[in-house]
Amino acid sequence: MLVKTNHTPALIFKDEDEMQDTLLISQDDEIKEVLKKRIELITPATELYPAGYNLDNLFGKYSDRKKRA
């Protein structure tokens, strides 16, 4: 996904409620809340990650994953 305001790539972190006007993105190792109308989808998740991919690997910390394993 590309954030339109500064044209910097970011990943959608959370979009639970489609009725809300905002969503959370992961950009520059930070979680930010942005308006949906300010983003432009470049590549859908179906092209980025294969079926069954564990998204915790992207957003979770290594130490947390290691504790769970």
PDB file of N, CA and C in Angstrom:
ATOM      1  N   MET A   1       0.838  -1.160   0.000  1.00  0.00           N
ATOM      2  CA  MET A   1       0.000   0.000   0.000  1.00  0.00           C
ATOM      3  C   MET A   1       0.890   1.232   0.000  1.00  0.00           C
ATOM      4  N   LEU A   2       0.438   2.286  -0.586  1.00  0.00           N
ATOM      5  CA  LEU A   2       1.174   3.544  -0.638  1.00  0.00           C
ATOM      6  C   LEU A   2       0.362   4.626   0.043  1.00  0.00           C
ATOM      7  N   VAL A   3       0.970   5.316   0.992  1.00  0.00           N
ATOM      8  CA  VAL A   3       0.289   6.419   1.654  1.00  0.00           C
ATOM      9  C   VAL A   3       0.374   7.636   0.741  1.00  0.00           C
ATOM     10  N   LYS A   4      -0.760   8.188   0.366  1.00  0.00           N
ATOM     11  CA  LYS A   4      -0.792   9.280  -0.605  1.00  0.00           C
ATOM     12  C   LYS A   4      -0.146  10.568  -0.100  1.00  0.00           C
ATOM     13  N   THR A   5      -0.179  10.808   1.206  1.00  0.00           N
ATOM     14  CA  THR A   5       0.294  12.087   1.717  1.00  0.00           C
ATOM     15  C   THR A   5       1.781  12.290   1.493  1.00  0.00           C
ATOM     16  N   ASN A   6       2.569  11.236   1.609  1.00  0.00           N
ATOM     17  CA  ASN A   6       4.007  11.405   1.405  1.00  0.00           C
ATOM     18  C   ASN A   6       4.611  10.353   0.480  1.00  0.00           C
ATOM     19  N   HIS A   7       3.786   9.557  -0.154  1.00  0.00           N
ATOM     20  CA  HIS A   7       4.211   8.549  -1.123  1.00  0.00           C
ATOM     21  C   HIS A   7       5.246   7.585  -0.560  1.00  0.00           C
ATOM     22  N   THR A   8       5.083   7.222   0.697  1.00  0.00           N
ATOM     23  CA  THR A   8       5.970   6.268   1.337  1.00  0.00           C
ATOM     24  C   THR A   8       5.254   4.933   1.482  1.00  0.00           C
ATOM     25  N   PRO A   9       5.875   3.823   1.101  1.00  0.00           N
ATOM     26  CA  PRO A   9       5.193   2.532   1.214  1.00  0.00           C
ATOM     27  C   PRO A   9       4.959   2.138   2.664  1.00  0.00           C
ATOM     28  N   ALA A  10       3.849   1.441   2.884  1.00  0.00           N
ATOM     29  CA  ALA A  10       3.485   0.973   4.216  1.00  0.00           C
ATOM     30  C   ALA A  10       2.605  -0.252   4.074  1.00  0.00           C
ATOM     31  N   LEU A  11       2.463  -1.013   5.155  1.00  0.00           N
ATOM     32  CA  LEU A  11       1.587  -2.176   5.189  1.00  0.00           C
ATOM     33  C   LEU A  11       0.365  -1.872   6.035  1.00  0.00           C
ATOM     34  N   ILE A  12      -0.783  -2.377   5.598  1.00  0.00           N
ATOM     35  CA  ILE A  12      -1.988  -2.233   6.418  1.00  0.00           C
ATOM     36  C   ILE A  12      -1.831  -3.162   7.610  1.00  0.00           C
ATOM     37  N   PHE A  13      -1.916  -2.599   8.791  1.00  0.00           N
ATOM     38  CA  PHE A  13      -1.737  -3.368  10.022  1.00  0.00           C
ATOM     39  C   PHE A  13      -3.065  -3.908  10.520  1.00  0.00           C
ATOM     40  N   LYS A  14      -4.106  -3.072  10.494  1.00  0.00           N
ATOM     41  CA  LYS A  14      -5.404  -3.496  11.013  1.00  0.00           C
ATOM     42  C   LYS A  14      -6.514  -2.722  10.327  1.00  0.00           C
ATOM     43  N   ASP A  15      -7.489  -3.453   9.816  1.00  0.00           N
ATOM     44  CA  ASP A  15      -8.678  -2.851   9.204  1.00  0.00           C
ATOM     45  C   ASP A  15      -9.865  -3.719   9.592  1.00  0.00           C
ATOM     46  N   GLU A  16     -10.237  -3.658  10.868  1.00  0.00           N
ATOM     47  CA  GLU A  16     -11.302  -4.529  11.366  1.00  0.00           C
ATOM     48  C   GLU A  16     -12.690  -4.021  11.024  1.00  0.00           C
ATOM     49  N   ASP A  17     -12.903  -2.719  11.117  1.00  0.00           N
ATOM     50  CA  ASP A  17     -14.236  -2.154  10.955  1.00  0.00           C
ATOM     51  C   ASP A  17     -14.295  -1.377   9.639  1.00  0.00           C
ATOM     52  N   GLU A  18     -15.001  -1.930   8.670  1.00  0.00           N
ATOM     53  CA  GLU A  18     -15.086  -1.270   7.367  1.00  0.00           C
ATOM     54  C   GLU A  18     -15.908   0.006   7.414  1.00  0.00           C
ATOM     55  N   MET A  19     -16.674   0.199   8.485  1.00  0.00           N
ATOM     56  CA  MET A  19     -17.490   1.408   8.605  1.00  0.00           C
ATOM     57  C   MET A  19     -16.678   2.614   9.089  1.00  0.00           C
ATOM     58  N   GLN A  20     -15.512   2.373   9.679  1.00  0.00           N
ATOM     59  CA  GLN A  20     -14.669   3.465  10.146  1.00  0.00           C
ATOM     60  C   GLN A  20     -13.959   4.116   8.970  1.00  0.00           C
ATOM     61  N   ASP A  21     -13.590   5.383   9.158  1.00  0.00           N
ATOM     62  CA  ASP A  21     -12.887   6.117   8.111  1.00  0.00           C
ATOM     63  C   ASP A  21     -11.374   6.002   8.230  1.00  0.00           C
ATOM     64  N   THR A  22     -10.888   5.322   9.279  1.00  0.00           N
ATOM     65  CA  THR A  22      -9.444   5.208   9.487  1.00  0.00           C
ATOM     66  C   THR A  22      -9.023   3.748   9.554  1.00  0.00           C
ATOM     67  N   LEU A  23      -7.728   3.514   9.393  1.00  0.00           N
ATOM     68  CA  LEU A  23      -7.147   2.198   9.587  1.00  0.00           C
ATOM     69  C   LEU A  23      -5.737   2.371  10.119  1.00  0.00           C
ATOM     70  N   LEU A  24      -5.179   1.280  10.632  1.00  0.00           N
ATOM     71  CA  LEU A  24      -3.828   1.320  11.166  1.00  0.00           C
ATOM     72  C   LEU A  24      -2.863   0.793  10.125  1.00  0.00           C
ATOM     73  N   ILE A  25      -1.728   1.490   9.971  1.00  0.00           N
ATOM     74  CA  ILE A  25      -0.697   1.053   9.041  1.00  0.00           C
ATOM     75  C   ILE A  25       0.622   0.907   9.788  1.00  0.00           C
ATOM     76  N   SER A  26       1.480   0.081   9.255  1.00  0.00           N
ATOM     77  CA  SER A  26       2.836  -0.074   9.776  1.00  0.00           C
ATOM     78  C   SER A  26       3.772   0.609   8.789  1.00  0.00           C
ATOM     79  N   GLN A  27       4.445   1.657   9.262  1.00  0.00           N
ATOM     80  CA  GLN A  27       5.329   2.437   8.395  1.00  0.00           C
ATOM     81  C   GLN A  27       6.534   2.904   9.203  1.00  0.00           C
ATOM     82  N   ASP A  28       7.718   2.639   8.705  1.00  0.00           N
ATOM     83  CA  ASP A  28       8.957   3.041   9.374  1.00  0.00           C
ATOM     84  C   ASP A  28       9.014   2.542  10.813  1.00  0.00           C
ATOM     85  N   ASP A  29       8.672   1.271  11.013  1.00  0.00           N
ATOM     86  CA  ASP A  29       8.681   0.625  12.336  1.00  0.00           C
ATOM     87  C   ASP A  29       7.759   1.300  13.336  1.00  0.00           C
ATOM     88  N   GLU A  30       6.733   1.978  12.870  1.00  0.00           N
ATOM     89  CA  GLU A  30       5.733   2.612  13.729  1.00  0.00           C
ATOM     90  C   GLU A  30       4.343   2.210  13.249  1.00  0.00           C
ATOM     91  N   ILE A  31       3.401   2.181  14.180  1.00  0.00           N
ATOM     92  CA  ILE A  31       2.000   1.949  13.847  1.00  0.00           C
ATOM     93  C   ILE A  31       1.321   3.310  13.854  1.00  0.00           C
ATOM     94  N   LYS A  32       0.693   3.657  12.721  1.00  0.00           N
ATOM     95  CA  LYS A  32       0.062   4.968  12.577  1.00  0.00           C
ATOM     96  C   LYS A  32      -1.388   4.792  12.164  1.00  0.00           C
ATOM     97  N   GLU A  33      -2.225   5.734  12.552  1.00  0.00           N
ATOM     98  CA  GLU A  33      -3.628   5.743  12.145  1.00  0.00           C
ATOM     99  C   GLU A  33      -3.795   6.777  11.035  1.00  0.00           C
ATOM    100  N   VAL A  34      -4.351   6.365   9.894  1.00  0.00           N
ATOM    101  CA  VAL A  34      -4.531   7.273   8.762  1.00  0.00           C
ATOM    102  C   VAL A  34      -5.949   7.143   8.228  1.00  0.00           C
ATOM    103  N   LEU A  35      -6.392   8.165   7.540  1.00  0.00           N
ATOM    104  CA  LEU A  35      -7.695   8.124   6.880  1.00  0.00           C
ATOM    105  C   LEU A  35      -7.623   7.215   5.666  1.00  0.00           C
ATOM    106  N   LYS A  36      -8.666   6.434   5.462  1.00  0.00           N
ATOM    107  CA  LYS A  36      -8.682   5.513   4.327  1.00  0.00           C
ATOM    108  C   LYS A  36      -8.600   6.246   2.992  1.00  0.00           C
ATOM    109  N   LYS A  37      -9.167   7.442   2.935  1.00  0.00           N
ATOM    110  CA  LYS A  37      -9.152   8.161   1.661  1.00  0.00           C
ATOM    111  C   LYS A  37      -7.756   8.689   1.310  1.00  0.00           C
ATOM    112  N   ARG A  38      -6.811   8.615   2.241  1.00  0.00           N
ATOM    113  CA  ARG A  38      -5.451   9.087   1.997  1.00  0.00           C
ATOM    114  C   ARG A  38      -4.498   7.974   1.564  1.00  0.00           C
ATOM    115  N   ILE A  39      -5.011   6.771   1.372  1.00  0.00           N
ATOM    116  CA  ILE A  39      -4.139   5.681   0.950  1.00  0.00           C
ATOM    117  C   ILE A  39      -4.523   5.181  -0.432  1.00  0.00           C
ATOM    118  N   GLU A  40      -3.564   4.583  -1.067  1.00  0.00           N
ATOM    119  CA  GLU A  40      -3.775   3.996  -2.386  1.00  0.00           C
ATOM    120  C   GLU A  40      -3.158   2.604  -2.376  1.00  0.00           C
ATOM    121  N   LEU A  41      -3.947   1.584  -2.670  1.00  0.00           N
ATOM    122  CA  LEU A  41      -3.468   0.218  -2.667  1.00  0.00           C
ATOM    123  C   LEU A  41      -2.610  -0.040  -3.906  1.00  0.00           C
ATOM    124  N   ILE A  42      -1.389  -0.481  -3.682  1.00  0.00           N
ATOM    125  CA  ILE A  42      -0.485  -0.799  -4.786  1.00  0.00           C
ATOM    126  C   ILE A  42      -0.549  -2.289  -5.096  1.00  0.00           C
ATOM    127  N   THR A  43      -0.368  -3.111  -4.061  1.00  0.00           N
ATOM    128  CA  THR A  43      -0.358  -4.555  -4.220  1.00  0.00           C
ATOM    129  C   THR A  43      -1.257  -5.178  -3.162  1.00  0.00           C
ATOM    130  N   PRO A  44      -2.249  -5.960  -3.564  1.00  0.00           N
ATOM    131  CA  PRO A  44      -3.118  -6.592  -2.568  1.00  0.00           C
ATOM    132  C   PRO A  44      -2.372  -7.683  -1.804  1.00  0.00           C
ATOM    133  N   ALA A  45      -2.854  -7.981  -0.612  1.00  0.00           N
ATOM    134  CA  ALA A  45      -2.217  -8.983   0.247  1.00  0.00           C
ATOM    135  C   ALA A  45      -2.165 -10.350  -0.423  1.00  0.00           C
ATOM    136  N   THR A  46      -3.136 -10.663  -1.272  1.00  0.00           N
ATOM    137  CA  THR A  46      -3.151 -11.968  -1.935  1.00  0.00           C
ATOM    138  C   THR A  46      -1.935 -12.151  -2.840  1.00  0.00           C
ATOM    139  N   GLU A  47      -1.371 -11.070  -3.348  1.00  0.00           N
ATOM    140  CA  GLU A  47      -0.166 -11.162  -4.170  1.00  0.00           C
ATOM    141  C   GLU A  47       1.108 -11.130  -3.326  1.00  0.00           C
ATOM    142  N   LEU A  48       1.042 -10.510  -2.151  1.00  0.00           N
ATOM    143  CA  LEU A  48       2.227 -10.392  -1.304  1.00  0.00           C
ATOM    144  C   LEU A  48       2.527 -11.666  -0.522  1.00  0.00           C
ATOM    145  N   TYR A  49       1.487 -12.330  -0.019  1.00  0.00           N
ATOM    146  CA  TYR A  49       1.672 -13.462   0.879  1.00  0.00           C
ATOM    147  C   TYR A  49       0.916 -14.675   0.368  1.00  0.00           C
ATOM    148  N   PRO A  50       1.528 -15.857   0.415  1.00  0.00           N
ATOM    149  CA  PRO A  50       0.825 -17.071  -0.017  1.00  0.00           C
ATOM    150  C   PRO A  50      -0.268 -17.446   0.978  1.00  0.00           C
ATOM    151  N   ALA A  51      -1.180 -18.289   0.546  1.00  0.00           N
ATOM    152  CA  ALA A  51      -2.267 -18.741   1.427  1.00  0.00           C
ATOM    153  C   ALA A  51      -1.680 -19.421   2.653  1.00  0.00           C
ATOM    154  N   GLY A  52      -2.215 -19.100   3.826  1.00  0.00           N
ATOM    155  CA  GLY A  52      -1.741 -19.706   5.065  1.00  0.00           C
ATOM    156  C   GLY A  52      -0.519 -19.044   5.667  1.00  0.00           C
ATOM    157  N   TYR A  53      -0.051 -17.927   5.098  1.00  0.00           N
ATOM    158  CA  TYR A  53       1.128 -17.233   5.622  1.00  0.00           C
ATOM    159  C   TYR A  53       0.820 -16.656   6.995  1.00  0.00           C
ATOM    160  N   ASN A  54       1.731 -16.798   7.932  1.00  0.00           N
ATOM    161  CA  ASN A  54       1.543 -16.314   9.290  1.00  0.00           C
ATOM    162  C   ASN A  54       1.933 -14.837   9.359  1.00  0.00           C
ATOM    163  N   LEU A  55       0.947 -13.952   9.426  1.00  0.00           N
ATOM    164  CA  LEU A  55       1.219 -12.517   9.445  1.00  0.00           C
ATOM    165  C   LEU A  55       1.860 -12.052  10.745  1.00  0.00           C
ATOM    166  N   ASP A  56       1.850 -12.897  11.790  1.00  0.00           N
ATOM    167  CA  ASP A  56       2.562 -12.545  13.022  1.00  0.00           C
ATOM    168  C   ASP A  56       4.057 -12.390  12.766  1.00  0.00           C
ATOM    169  N   ASN A  57       4.560 -13.045  11.730  1.00  0.00           N
ATOM    170  CA  ASN A  57       5.973 -12.898  11.385  1.00  0.00           C
ATOM    171  C   ASN A  57       6.292 -11.475  10.945  1.00  0.00           C
ATOM    172  N   LEU A  58       5.323 -10.770  10.404  1.00  0.00           N
ATOM    173  CA  LEU A  58       5.552  -9.398   9.952  1.00  0.00           C
ATOM    174  C   LEU A  58       5.474  -8.393  11.091  1.00  0.00           C
ATOM    175  N   PHE A  59       4.465  -8.523  11.927  1.00  0.00           N
ATOM    176  CA  PHE A  59       4.174  -7.490  12.903  1.00  0.00           C
ATOM    177  C   PHE A  59       4.581  -7.854  14.321  1.00  0.00           C
ATOM    178  N   GLY A  60       4.884  -9.111  14.576  1.00  0.00           N
ATOM    179  CA  GLY A  60       5.262  -9.522  15.919  1.00  0.00           C
ATOM    180  C   GLY A  60       6.771  -9.464  16.117  1.00  0.00           C
ATOM    181  N   LYS A  61       7.168  -9.447  17.351  1.00  0.00           N
ATOM    182  CA  LYS A  61       8.588  -9.439  17.688  1.00  0.00           C
ATOM    183  C   LYS A  61       9.123 -10.865  17.686  1.00  0.00           C
ATOM    184  N   TYR A  62      10.383 -10.996  17.329  1.00  0.00           N
ATOM    185  CA  TYR A  62      11.016 -12.313  17.284  1.00  0.00           C
ATOM    186  C   TYR A  62      10.968 -12.978  18.654  1.00  0.00           C
ATOM    187  N   SER A  63      11.252 -12.224  19.698  1.00  0.00           N
ATOM    188  CA  SER A  63      11.279 -12.810  21.042  1.00  0.00           C
ATOM    189  C   SER A  63       9.897 -13.339  21.438  1.00  0.00           C
ATOM    190  N   ASP A  64       8.831 -12.653  21.044  1.00  0.00           N
ATOM    191  CA  ASP A  64       7.479 -13.131  21.339  1.00  0.00           C
ATOM    192  C   ASP A  64       7.167 -14.425  20.583  1.00  0.00           C
ATOM    193  N   ARG A  65       7.567 -14.486  19.318  1.00  0.00           N
ATOM    194  CA  ARG A  65       7.342 -15.698  18.521  1.00  0.00           C
ATOM    195  C   ARG A  65       8.119 -16.871  19.103  1.00  0.00           C
ATOM    196  N   LYS A  66       9.332 -16.608  19.562  1.00  0.00           N
ATOM    197  CA  LYS A  66      10.159 -17.664  20.127  1.00  0.00           C
ATOM    198  C   LYS A  66       9.540 -18.213  21.412  1.00  0.00           C
ATOM    199  N   LYS A  67       8.964 -17.337  22.240  1.00  0.00           N
ATOM    200  CA  LYS A  67       8.322 -17.774  23.480  1.00  0.00           C
ATOM    201  C   LYS A  67       7.119 -18.676  23.181  1.00  0.00           C
ATOM    202  N   ARG A  68       6.348 -18.331  22.137  1.00  0.00           N
ATOM    203  CA  ARG A  68       5.176 -19.121  21.771  1.00  0.00           C
ATOM    204  C   ARG A  68       5.570 -20.484  21.219  1.00  0.00           C
ATOM    205  N   ALA A  69       6.697 -20.553  20.563  1.00  0.00           N
ATOM    206  CA  ALA A  69       7.148 -21.816  19.954  1.00  0.00           C
ATOM    207  C   ALA A  69       7.775 -22.699  20.981  1.00  0.00           C
TER     208      ALA A  69
END
